[in-house]
Amino acid sequence: MKLTFAMKKTVLINAMVFLLLVAPFTGQAEASSKADSISNTATSLSGIKYAYGGTTTSGFDCSGYVSYVFKQHDVDLSRTSSGMYASGMAVNKAELETGDLVFFNTSGSGVSHVGIYIGDGSFAHASTSKGVRVDKLDDPYYWGDRFVGAKRISGVNAVASTK
């Protein structure tokens, strides 16, 4: 009987150790999965034409596109790029994660364009000239000089809820 009790105790302790080691990462996995899903949705819309004020798959403007993508994953955002920039948590360019919002100044002052960081230095966005597409953040011919900042939206990446 003592041997059985000792075995049960060992199994119970091992199970508790396992849970203590794994539990802190379960929320991060869910958030990472959500960010990856957002990235997949963002890139799946490539080729849809640009439409000023557009918020549907018949045509998007930049903030309509970002808002649409996040809405598909039950995340509500402001309708404008400047409204989106006013929300979330600021993120350094070097610390970008998939699903973060990236902002640009394309009009001469302030935030006027938004996209979704999809990893590897790339972002998806609705371009006025080419519709929904993927570009490099550090594109030396355009986007690199116009980058304003980035925001992490709570509930998309695990880090957003812990900082």
N, C-alpha and C. Protein backbone atom coordinates (compact mmCIF):
# COMPACT_ATOMS: atom_id res chain seq x y z
N MET A 1 0.81 -1.19 0.00
CA MET A 1 0.00 0.00 0.00
C MET A 1 0.86 1.25 0.00
N LYS A 2 1.98 1.24 0.76
CA LYS A 2 2.86 2.40 0.78
C LYS A 2 3.46 2.63 -0.59
N LEU A 3 3.79 1.57 -1.31
CA LEU A 3 4.36 1.71 -2.63
C LEU A 3 3.36 2.37 -3.57
N THR A 4 2.13 2.00 -3.50
CA THR A 4 1.08 2.59 -4.33
C THR A 4 0.92 4.07 -4.01
N PHE A 5 0.91 4.39 -2.73
CA PHE A 5 0.80 5.78 -2.32
C PHE A 5 2.00 6.58 -2.81
N ALA A 6 3.20 6.03 -2.70
CA ALA A 6 4.41 6.70 -3.15
C ALA A 6 4.38 6.93 -4.67
N MET A 7 3.89 5.94 -5.40
CA MET A 7 3.78 6.08 -6.85
C MET A 7 2.78 7.16 -7.21
N LYS A 8 1.64 7.19 -6.51
CA LYS A 8 0.63 8.22 -6.77
C LYS A 8 1.20 9.61 -6.48
N LYS A 9 1.94 9.70 -5.40
CA LYS A 9 2.53 10.97 -5.01
C LYS A 9 3.52 11.44 -6.08
N THR A 10 4.35 10.53 -6.59
CA THR A 10 5.32 10.86 -7.62
C THR A 10 4.62 11.32 -8.90
N VAL A 11 3.59 10.62 -9.30
CA VAL A 11 2.84 11.00 -10.50
C VAL A 11 2.21 12.38 -10.31
N LEU A 12 1.62 12.61 -9.15
CA LEU A 12 1.00 13.89 -8.86
C LEU A 12 2.03 15.02 -8.89
N ILE A 13 3.17 14.83 -8.30
CA ILE A 13 4.21 15.86 -8.29
C ILE A 13 4.70 16.13 -9.70
N ASN A 14 4.91 15.08 -10.48
CA ASN A 14 5.35 15.26 -11.87
C ASN A 14 4.30 16.03 -12.69
N ALA A 15 3.04 15.73 -12.46
CA ALA A 15 1.97 16.42 -13.18
C ALA A 15 1.94 17.90 -12.80
N MET A 16 2.14 18.20 -11.53
CA MET A 16 2.14 19.59 -11.07
C MET A 16 3.34 20.35 -11.66
N VAL A 17 4.49 19.72 -11.68
CA VAL A 17 5.68 20.35 -12.26
C VAL A 17 5.45 20.64 -13.74
N PHE A 18 4.87 19.69 -14.44
CA PHE A 18 4.58 19.87 -15.86
C PHE A 18 3.64 21.06 -16.07
N LEU A 19 2.58 21.14 -15.29
CA LEU A 19 1.64 22.25 -15.42
C LEU A 19 2.29 23.59 -15.10
N LEU A 20 3.12 23.62 -14.09
CA LEU A 20 3.80 24.87 -13.74
C LEU A 20 4.76 25.32 -14.84
N LEU A 21 5.34 24.39 -15.54
CA LEU A 21 6.25 24.73 -16.62
C LEU A 21 5.52 25.14 -17.90
N VAL A 22 4.39 24.53 -18.19
CA VAL A 22 3.67 24.75 -19.44
C VAL A 22 2.64 25.88 -19.34
N ALA A 23 1.98 26.03 -18.23
CA ALA A 23 0.88 26.99 -18.09
C ALA A 23 1.24 28.42 -18.50
N PRO A 24 2.40 28.95 -18.14
CA PRO A 24 2.69 30.34 -18.53
C PRO A 24 2.74 30.57 -20.03
N PHE A 25 2.92 29.52 -20.82
CA PHE A 25 3.06 29.69 -22.25
C PHE A 25 1.77 29.46 -23.03
N THR A 26 0.73 28.99 -22.38
CA THR A 26 -0.50 28.69 -23.11
C THR A 26 -1.15 29.95 -23.67
N GLY A 27 -1.17 31.03 -22.94
CA GLY A 27 -1.72 32.29 -23.43
C GLY A 27 -0.91 32.84 -24.57
N GLN A 28 0.40 32.69 -24.51
CA GLN A 28 1.26 33.18 -25.58
C GLN A 28 1.01 32.40 -26.86
N ALA A 29 0.78 31.12 -26.75
CA ALA A 29 0.52 30.32 -27.94
C ALA A 29 -0.78 30.75 -28.59
N GLU A 30 -1.81 31.03 -27.78
CA GLU A 30 -3.08 31.48 -28.33
C GLU A 30 -2.91 32.82 -29.02
N ALA A 31 -2.20 33.75 -28.39
CA ALA A 31 -2.00 35.07 -28.97
C ALA A 31 -1.17 34.97 -30.24
N SER A 32 -0.12 34.17 -30.21
CA SER A 32 0.72 33.99 -31.38
C SER A 32 -0.11 33.40 -32.52
N SER A 33 -0.96 32.45 -32.20
CA SER A 33 -1.82 31.84 -33.20
C SER A 33 -2.76 32.89 -33.79
N LYS A 34 -3.29 33.79 -32.97
CA LYS A 34 -4.17 34.84 -33.46
C LYS A 34 -3.41 35.78 -34.38
N ALA A 35 -2.19 36.16 -34.00
CA ALA A 35 -1.36 37.03 -34.83
C ALA A 35 -1.07 36.36 -36.18
N ASP A 36 -0.76 35.09 -36.15
CA ASP A 36 -0.50 34.36 -37.40
C ASP A 36 -1.75 34.29 -38.27
N SER A 37 -2.90 34.10 -37.64
CA SER A 37 -4.16 34.06 -38.39
C SER A 37 -4.45 35.42 -39.02
N ILE A 38 -4.19 36.49 -38.28
CA ILE A 38 -4.38 37.84 -38.82
C ILE A 38 -3.45 38.04 -40.02
N SER A 39 -2.21 37.62 -39.90
CA SER A 39 -1.26 37.73 -41.00
C SER A 39 -1.74 36.95 -42.22
N ASN A 40 -2.24 35.75 -42.00
CA ASN A 40 -2.74 34.93 -43.11
C ASN A 40 -3.93 35.59 -43.80
N THR A 41 -4.84 36.14 -43.01
CA THR A 41 -5.99 36.84 -43.58
C THR A 41 -5.51 38.05 -44.37
N ALA A 42 -4.58 38.80 -43.79
CA ALA A 42 -4.06 40.00 -44.45
C ALA A 42 -3.48 39.68 -45.82
N THR A 43 -2.68 38.65 -45.91
CA THR A 43 -2.04 38.33 -47.19
C THR A 43 -3.00 37.64 -48.16
N SER A 44 -4.04 37.00 -47.64
CA SER A 44 -5.00 36.34 -48.52
C SER A 44 -5.81 37.34 -49.35
N LEU A 45 -5.81 38.59 -48.95
CA LEU A 45 -6.58 39.62 -49.64
C LEU A 45 -5.76 40.36 -50.70
N SER A 46 -4.53 39.92 -50.91
CA SER A 46 -3.66 40.57 -51.91
C SER A 46 -4.36 40.64 -53.26
N GLY A 47 -4.20 41.79 -53.91
CA GLY A 47 -4.78 41.98 -55.24
C GLY A 47 -6.10 42.71 -55.24
N ILE A 48 -6.76 42.82 -54.09
CA ILE A 48 -8.02 43.56 -54.06
C ILE A 48 -7.72 45.03 -54.32
N LYS A 49 -8.53 45.66 -55.16
CA LYS A 49 -8.25 47.03 -55.58
C LYS A 49 -8.40 48.04 -54.45
N TYR A 50 -7.79 49.19 -54.62
CA TYR A 50 -7.90 50.30 -53.68
C TYR A 50 -9.18 51.06 -53.99
N ALA A 51 -9.88 51.45 -52.93
CA ALA A 51 -11.05 52.31 -53.07
C ALA A 51 -11.07 53.28 -51.90
N TYR A 52 -11.02 54.57 -52.19
CA TYR A 52 -11.03 55.57 -51.13
C TYR A 52 -12.28 55.37 -50.27
N GLY A 53 -12.08 55.22 -48.96
CA GLY A 53 -13.19 54.99 -48.04
C GLY A 53 -13.68 53.55 -48.03
N GLY A 54 -13.02 52.68 -48.79
CA GLY A 54 -13.45 51.29 -48.93
C GLY A 54 -13.21 50.45 -47.69
N THR A 55 -14.21 49.65 -47.35
CA THR A 55 -14.13 48.80 -46.15
C THR A 55 -14.54 47.36 -46.44
N THR A 56 -14.68 47.01 -47.70
CA THR A 56 -15.11 45.65 -48.06
C THR A 56 -14.18 45.08 -49.12
N THR A 57 -14.38 43.80 -49.41
CA THR A 57 -13.53 43.14 -50.40
C THR A 57 -13.77 43.63 -51.82
N SER A 58 -14.72 44.51 -52.02
CA SER A 58 -14.86 45.11 -53.36
C SER A 58 -13.90 46.28 -53.53
N GLY A 59 -13.26 46.70 -52.43
CA GLY A 59 -12.24 47.75 -52.49
C GLY A 59 -11.95 48.28 -51.10
N PHE A 60 -10.66 48.50 -50.80
CA PHE A 60 -10.24 48.97 -49.48
C PHE A 60 -9.41 50.24 -49.58
N ASP A 61 -9.54 51.11 -48.57
CA ASP A 61 -8.47 52.07 -48.33
C ASP A 61 -7.63 51.46 -47.22
N CYS A 62 -6.54 52.11 -46.82
CA CYS A 62 -5.61 51.46 -45.89
C CYS A 62 -6.24 51.11 -44.55
N SER A 63 -6.94 52.06 -43.94
CA SER A 63 -7.52 51.78 -42.62
C SER A 63 -8.74 50.88 -42.73
N GLY A 64 -9.47 50.97 -43.83
CA GLY A 64 -10.60 50.07 -44.05
C GLY A 64 -10.12 48.63 -44.16
N TYR A 65 -9.00 48.45 -44.84
CA TYR A 65 -8.40 47.12 -44.99
C TYR A 65 -7.96 46.56 -43.64
N VAL A 66 -7.19 47.35 -42.88
CA VAL A 66 -6.70 46.90 -41.58
C VAL A 66 -7.86 46.59 -40.65
N SER A 67 -8.83 47.48 -40.62
CA SER A 67 -10.01 47.28 -39.77
C SER A 67 -10.75 46.00 -40.17
N TYR A 68 -10.91 45.77 -41.47
CA TYR A 68 -11.58 44.57 -41.97
C TYR A 68 -10.85 43.30 -41.53
N VAL A 69 -9.53 43.29 -41.72
CA VAL A 69 -8.73 42.10 -41.35
C VAL A 69 -8.88 41.79 -39.87
N PHE A 70 -8.74 42.79 -39.02
CA PHE A 70 -8.84 42.56 -37.58
C PHE A 70 -10.25 42.17 -37.17
N LYS A 71 -11.26 42.73 -37.83
CA LYS A 71 -12.66 42.39 -37.52
C LYS A 71 -12.92 40.90 -37.79
N GLN A 72 -12.24 40.33 -38.77
CA GLN A 72 -12.39 38.90 -39.06
C GLN A 72 -11.93 38.04 -37.89
N HIS A 73 -11.16 38.64 -36.99
CA HIS A 73 -10.61 37.93 -35.83
C HIS A 73 -11.13 38.52 -34.52
N ASP A 74 -12.31 39.13 -34.60
CA ASP A 74 -13.01 39.67 -33.43
C ASP A 74 -12.22 40.74 -32.68
N VAL A 75 -11.47 41.55 -33.43
CA VAL A 75 -10.74 42.67 -32.84
C VAL A 75 -11.26 43.94 -33.50
N ASP A 76 -11.87 44.82 -32.71
CA ASP A 76 -12.40 46.08 -33.22
C ASP A 76 -11.33 47.17 -33.13
N LEU A 77 -11.15 47.89 -34.23
CA LEU A 77 -10.20 49.00 -34.29
C LEU A 77 -10.93 50.26 -34.72
N SER A 78 -10.30 51.38 -34.49
CA SER A 78 -10.80 52.65 -34.98
C SER A 78 -10.88 52.58 -36.51
N ARG A 79 -11.65 53.42 -37.13
CA ARG A 79 -11.81 53.39 -38.58
C ARG A 79 -10.68 54.12 -39.33
N THR A 80 -10.00 55.03 -38.67
CA THR A 80 -8.97 55.82 -39.37
C THR A 80 -7.57 55.43 -38.91
N SER A 81 -6.58 55.69 -39.76
CA SER A 81 -5.19 55.38 -39.40
C SER A 81 -4.76 56.20 -38.19
N SER A 82 -5.15 57.46 -38.10
CA SER A 82 -4.77 58.27 -36.93
C SER A 82 -5.46 57.77 -35.67
N GLY A 83 -6.69 57.29 -35.78
CA GLY A 83 -7.40 56.70 -34.64
C GLY A 83 -6.73 55.41 -34.19
N MET A 84 -6.27 54.62 -35.13
CA MET A 84 -5.55 53.38 -34.80
C MET A 84 -4.23 53.70 -34.12
N TYR A 85 -3.57 54.76 -34.60
CA TYR A 85 -2.29 55.16 -34.02
C TYR A 85 -2.45 55.63 -32.57
N ALA A 86 -3.63 56.15 -32.25
CA ALA A 86 -3.90 56.62 -30.89
C ALA A 86 -4.20 55.48 -29.92
N SER A 87 -4.36 54.27 -30.43
CA SER A 87 -4.65 53.12 -29.56
C SER A 87 -3.46 52.18 -29.51
N GLY A 88 -3.58 51.14 -28.72
CA GLY A 88 -2.52 50.14 -28.63
C GLY A 88 -1.31 50.62 -27.86
N MET A 89 -0.29 49.79 -27.86
CA MET A 89 0.95 50.06 -27.13
C MET A 89 2.07 50.29 -28.14
N ALA A 90 2.82 51.35 -27.97
CA ALA A 90 3.93 51.66 -28.88
C ALA A 90 4.96 50.53 -28.86
N VAL A 91 5.50 50.23 -30.04
CA VAL A 91 6.49 49.17 -30.21
C VAL A 91 7.65 49.72 -31.02
N ASN A 92 8.86 49.43 -30.60
CA ASN A 92 10.03 49.82 -31.38
C ASN A 92 10.08 49.00 -32.67
N LYS A 93 10.56 49.61 -33.71
CA LYS A 93 10.66 48.93 -35.01
C LYS A 93 11.43 47.62 -34.90
N ALA A 94 12.47 47.60 -34.09
CA ALA A 94 13.30 46.41 -33.93
C ALA A 94 12.58 45.29 -33.18
N GLU A 95 11.47 45.60 -32.53
CA GLU A 95 10.74 44.61 -31.74
C GLU A 95 9.39 44.23 -32.34
N LEU A 96 9.19 44.54 -33.61
CA LEU A 96 7.92 44.23 -34.27
C LEU A 96 7.63 42.73 -34.25
N GLU A 97 6.36 42.42 -34.08
CA GLU A 97 5.89 41.04 -34.15
C GLU A 97 4.74 40.97 -35.15
N THR A 98 4.55 39.80 -35.70
CA THR A 98 3.45 39.58 -36.63
C THR A 98 2.16 40.06 -35.97
N GLY A 99 1.37 40.82 -36.73
CA GLY A 99 0.09 41.33 -36.23
C GLY A 99 0.16 42.75 -35.69
N ASP A 100 1.36 43.30 -35.52
CA ASP A 100 1.49 44.69 -35.08
C ASP A 100 1.06 45.62 -36.22
N LEU A 101 0.58 46.80 -35.86
CA LEU A 101 0.22 47.80 -36.85
C LEU A 101 1.43 48.70 -37.10
N VAL A 102 1.67 49.03 -38.36
CA VAL A 102 2.77 49.91 -38.72
C VAL A 102 2.19 51.15 -39.40
N PHE A 103 2.76 52.31 -39.07
CA PHE A 103 2.20 53.58 -39.51
C PHE A 103 3.22 54.41 -40.28
N PHE A 104 2.70 55.18 -41.24
CA PHE A 104 3.54 55.95 -42.14
C PHE A 104 2.98 57.35 -42.34
N ASN A 105 3.86 58.26 -42.72
CA ASN A 105 3.48 59.61 -43.10
C ASN A 105 3.65 59.69 -44.61
N THR A 106 2.54 59.65 -45.34
CA THR A 106 2.60 59.71 -46.80
C THR A 106 2.06 61.03 -47.34
N SER A 107 1.59 61.89 -46.43
CA SER A 107 0.95 63.12 -46.88
C SER A 107 1.72 64.39 -46.50
N GLY A 108 2.80 64.24 -45.76
CA GLY A 108 3.58 65.40 -45.36
C GLY A 108 3.53 65.72 -43.89
N SER A 109 2.48 65.31 -43.20
CA SER A 109 2.43 65.56 -41.75
C SER A 109 1.57 64.52 -41.05
N GLY A 110 2.07 64.02 -39.93
CA GLY A 110 1.32 63.06 -39.12
C GLY A 110 1.17 61.70 -39.75
N VAL A 111 0.33 60.90 -39.14
CA VAL A 111 0.04 59.55 -39.62
C VAL A 111 -1.02 59.63 -40.71
N SER A 112 -0.73 59.02 -41.86
CA SER A 112 -1.69 59.03 -42.95
C SER A 112 -1.84 57.67 -43.62
N HIS A 113 -1.09 56.67 -43.16
CA HIS A 113 -1.17 55.34 -43.76
C HIS A 113 -0.87 54.28 -42.71
N VAL A 114 -1.57 53.14 -42.81
CA VAL A 114 -1.40 52.04 -41.85
C VAL A 114 -1.34 50.71 -42.59
N GLY A 115 -0.57 49.78 -42.02
CA GLY A 115 -0.49 48.44 -42.56
C GLY A 115 -0.33 47.45 -41.42
N ILE A 116 -0.25 46.17 -41.76
CA ILE A 116 -0.13 45.10 -40.78
C ILE A 116 1.22 44.41 -40.97
N TYR A 117 2.02 44.39 -39.91
CA TYR A 117 3.32 43.72 -40.00
C TYR A 117 3.10 42.21 -40.09
N ILE A 118 3.73 41.58 -41.09
CA ILE A 118 3.53 40.14 -41.30
C ILE A 118 4.81 39.33 -41.09
N GLY A 119 5.87 39.99 -40.60
CA GLY A 119 7.12 39.29 -40.33
C GLY A 119 8.14 39.50 -41.42
N ASP A 120 9.38 39.16 -41.10
CA ASP A 120 10.50 39.25 -42.04
C ASP A 120 10.65 40.63 -42.68
N GLY A 121 10.35 41.68 -41.92
CA GLY A 121 10.52 43.04 -42.43
C GLY A 121 9.46 43.47 -43.42
N SER A 122 8.37 42.73 -43.52
CA SER A 122 7.32 43.03 -44.50
C SER A 122 6.01 43.41 -43.84
N PHE A 123 5.21 44.16 -44.57
CA PHE A 123 3.88 44.52 -44.08
C PHE A 123 2.88 44.45 -45.23
N ALA A 124 1.64 44.15 -44.88
CA ALA A 124 0.54 44.11 -45.85
C ALA A 124 -0.27 45.39 -45.68
N HIS A 125 -0.73 45.95 -46.79
CA HIS A 125 -1.48 47.21 -46.73
C HIS A 125 -2.25 47.41 -48.03
N ALA A 126 -3.12 48.39 -48.02
CA ALA A 126 -3.86 48.77 -49.22
C ALA A 126 -3.20 50.01 -49.80
N SER A 127 -2.51 49.84 -50.89
CA SER A 127 -1.78 50.90 -51.58
C SER A 127 -2.71 51.62 -52.55
N THR A 128 -2.63 52.96 -52.57
CA THR A 128 -3.50 53.71 -53.49
C THR A 128 -3.23 53.35 -54.94
N SER A 129 -1.99 53.02 -55.26
CA SER A 129 -1.66 52.75 -56.67
C SER A 129 -1.80 51.28 -57.08
N LYS A 130 -1.68 50.35 -56.11
CA LYS A 130 -1.66 48.93 -56.49
C LYS A 130 -2.61 48.05 -55.70
N GLY A 131 -3.44 48.62 -54.85
CA GLY A 131 -4.38 47.82 -54.06
C GLY A 131 -3.68 47.08 -52.93
N VAL A 132 -4.30 46.03 -52.44
CA VAL A 132 -3.75 45.28 -51.31
C VAL A 132 -2.51 44.53 -51.78
N ARG A 133 -1.43 44.72 -51.04
CA ARG A 133 -0.15 44.14 -51.43
C ARG A 133 0.78 44.03 -50.23
N VAL A 134 1.92 43.43 -50.42
CA VAL A 134 2.95 43.30 -49.37
C VAL A 134 4.17 44.08 -49.84
N ASP A 135 4.73 44.87 -48.91
CA ASP A 135 5.95 45.63 -49.19
C ASP A 135 6.91 45.49 -48.02
N LYS A 136 8.14 45.91 -48.24
CA LYS A 136 9.17 45.90 -47.20
C LYS A 136 9.13 47.21 -46.42
N LEU A 137 9.22 47.12 -45.09
CA LEU A 137 9.24 48.32 -44.24
C LEU A 137 10.39 49.24 -44.59
N ASP A 138 11.53 48.67 -44.90
CA ASP A 138 12.73 49.47 -45.14
C ASP A 138 12.99 49.74 -46.62
N ASP A 139 11.94 49.65 -47.43
CA ASP A 139 12.07 49.95 -48.85
C ASP A 139 12.74 51.32 -49.00
N PRO A 140 13.94 51.37 -49.58
CA PRO A 140 14.68 52.63 -49.66
C PRO A 140 14.05 53.65 -50.61
N TYR A 141 13.12 53.21 -51.45
CA TYR A 141 12.52 54.12 -52.43
C TYR A 141 11.26 54.80 -51.92
N TYR A 142 10.66 54.25 -50.87
CA TYR A 142 9.42 54.89 -50.40
C TYR A 142 9.17 54.68 -48.91
N TRP A 143 8.81 53.48 -48.50
CA TRP A 143 8.33 53.24 -47.14
C TRP A 143 9.37 53.48 -46.06
N GLY A 144 10.62 53.19 -46.32
CA GLY A 144 11.67 53.33 -45.32
C GLY A 144 11.75 54.72 -44.72
N ASP A 145 11.62 55.74 -45.56
CA ASP A 145 11.71 57.13 -45.10
C ASP A 145 10.41 57.65 -44.49
N ARG A 146 9.33 56.93 -44.66
CA ARG A 146 8.03 57.42 -44.23
C ARG A 146 7.49 56.73 -42.97
N PHE A 147 8.24 55.78 -42.45
CA PHE A 147 7.82 55.05 -41.24
C PHE A 147 7.73 56.03 -40.06
N VAL A 148 6.58 55.98 -39.35
CA VAL A 148 6.33 56.86 -38.21
C VAL A 148 6.41 56.11 -36.89
N GLY A 149 5.88 54.88 -36.87
CA GLY A 149 5.87 54.11 -35.64
C GLY A 149 5.03 52.86 -35.78
N ALA A 150 4.91 52.14 -34.67
CA ALA A 150 4.14 50.88 -34.67
C ALA A 150 3.40 50.75 -33.35
N LYS A 151 2.31 50.01 -33.40
CA LYS A 151 1.50 49.77 -32.21
C LYS A 151 1.14 48.29 -32.12
N ARG A 152 1.09 47.80 -30.91
CA ARG A 152 0.67 46.44 -30.64
C ARG A 152 -0.73 46.52 -30.04
N ILE A 153 -1.63 45.75 -30.60
CA ILE A 153 -3.02 45.75 -30.16
C ILE A 153 -3.23 44.65 -29.13
N SER A 154 -3.81 45.01 -28.01
CA SER A 154 -4.04 44.05 -26.92
C SER A 154 -4.85 42.86 -27.41
N GLY A 155 -4.41 41.67 -27.01
CA GLY A 155 -5.11 40.45 -27.37
C GLY A 155 -4.62 39.81 -28.65
N VAL A 156 -3.76 40.51 -29.41
CA VAL A 156 -3.26 39.94 -30.66
C VAL A 156 -1.94 39.24 -30.41
N ASN A 157 -1.03 39.89 -29.69
CA ASN A 157 0.25 39.29 -29.32
C ASN A 157 0.31 39.15 -27.82
N ALA A 158 0.96 38.11 -27.34
CA ALA A 158 1.03 37.84 -25.90
C ALA A 158 1.67 38.98 -25.14
N VAL A 159 2.65 39.62 -25.72
CA VAL A 159 3.38 40.68 -25.04
C VAL A 159 2.49 41.89 -24.76
N ALA A 160 1.52 42.12 -25.62
CA ALA A 160 0.68 43.30 -25.49
C ALA A 160 -0.06 43.34 -24.16
N SER A 161 -0.42 42.20 -23.64
CA SER A 161 -1.19 42.19 -22.40
C SER A 161 -0.30 42.14 -21.16
N THR A 162 1.02 42.03 -21.35
CA THR A 162 1.90 41.92 -20.19
C THR A 162 2.75 43.16 -19.95
N LYS A 163 2.80 44.08 -20.89
CA LYS A 163 3.63 45.29 -20.73
C LYS A 163 2.81 46.42 -20.19
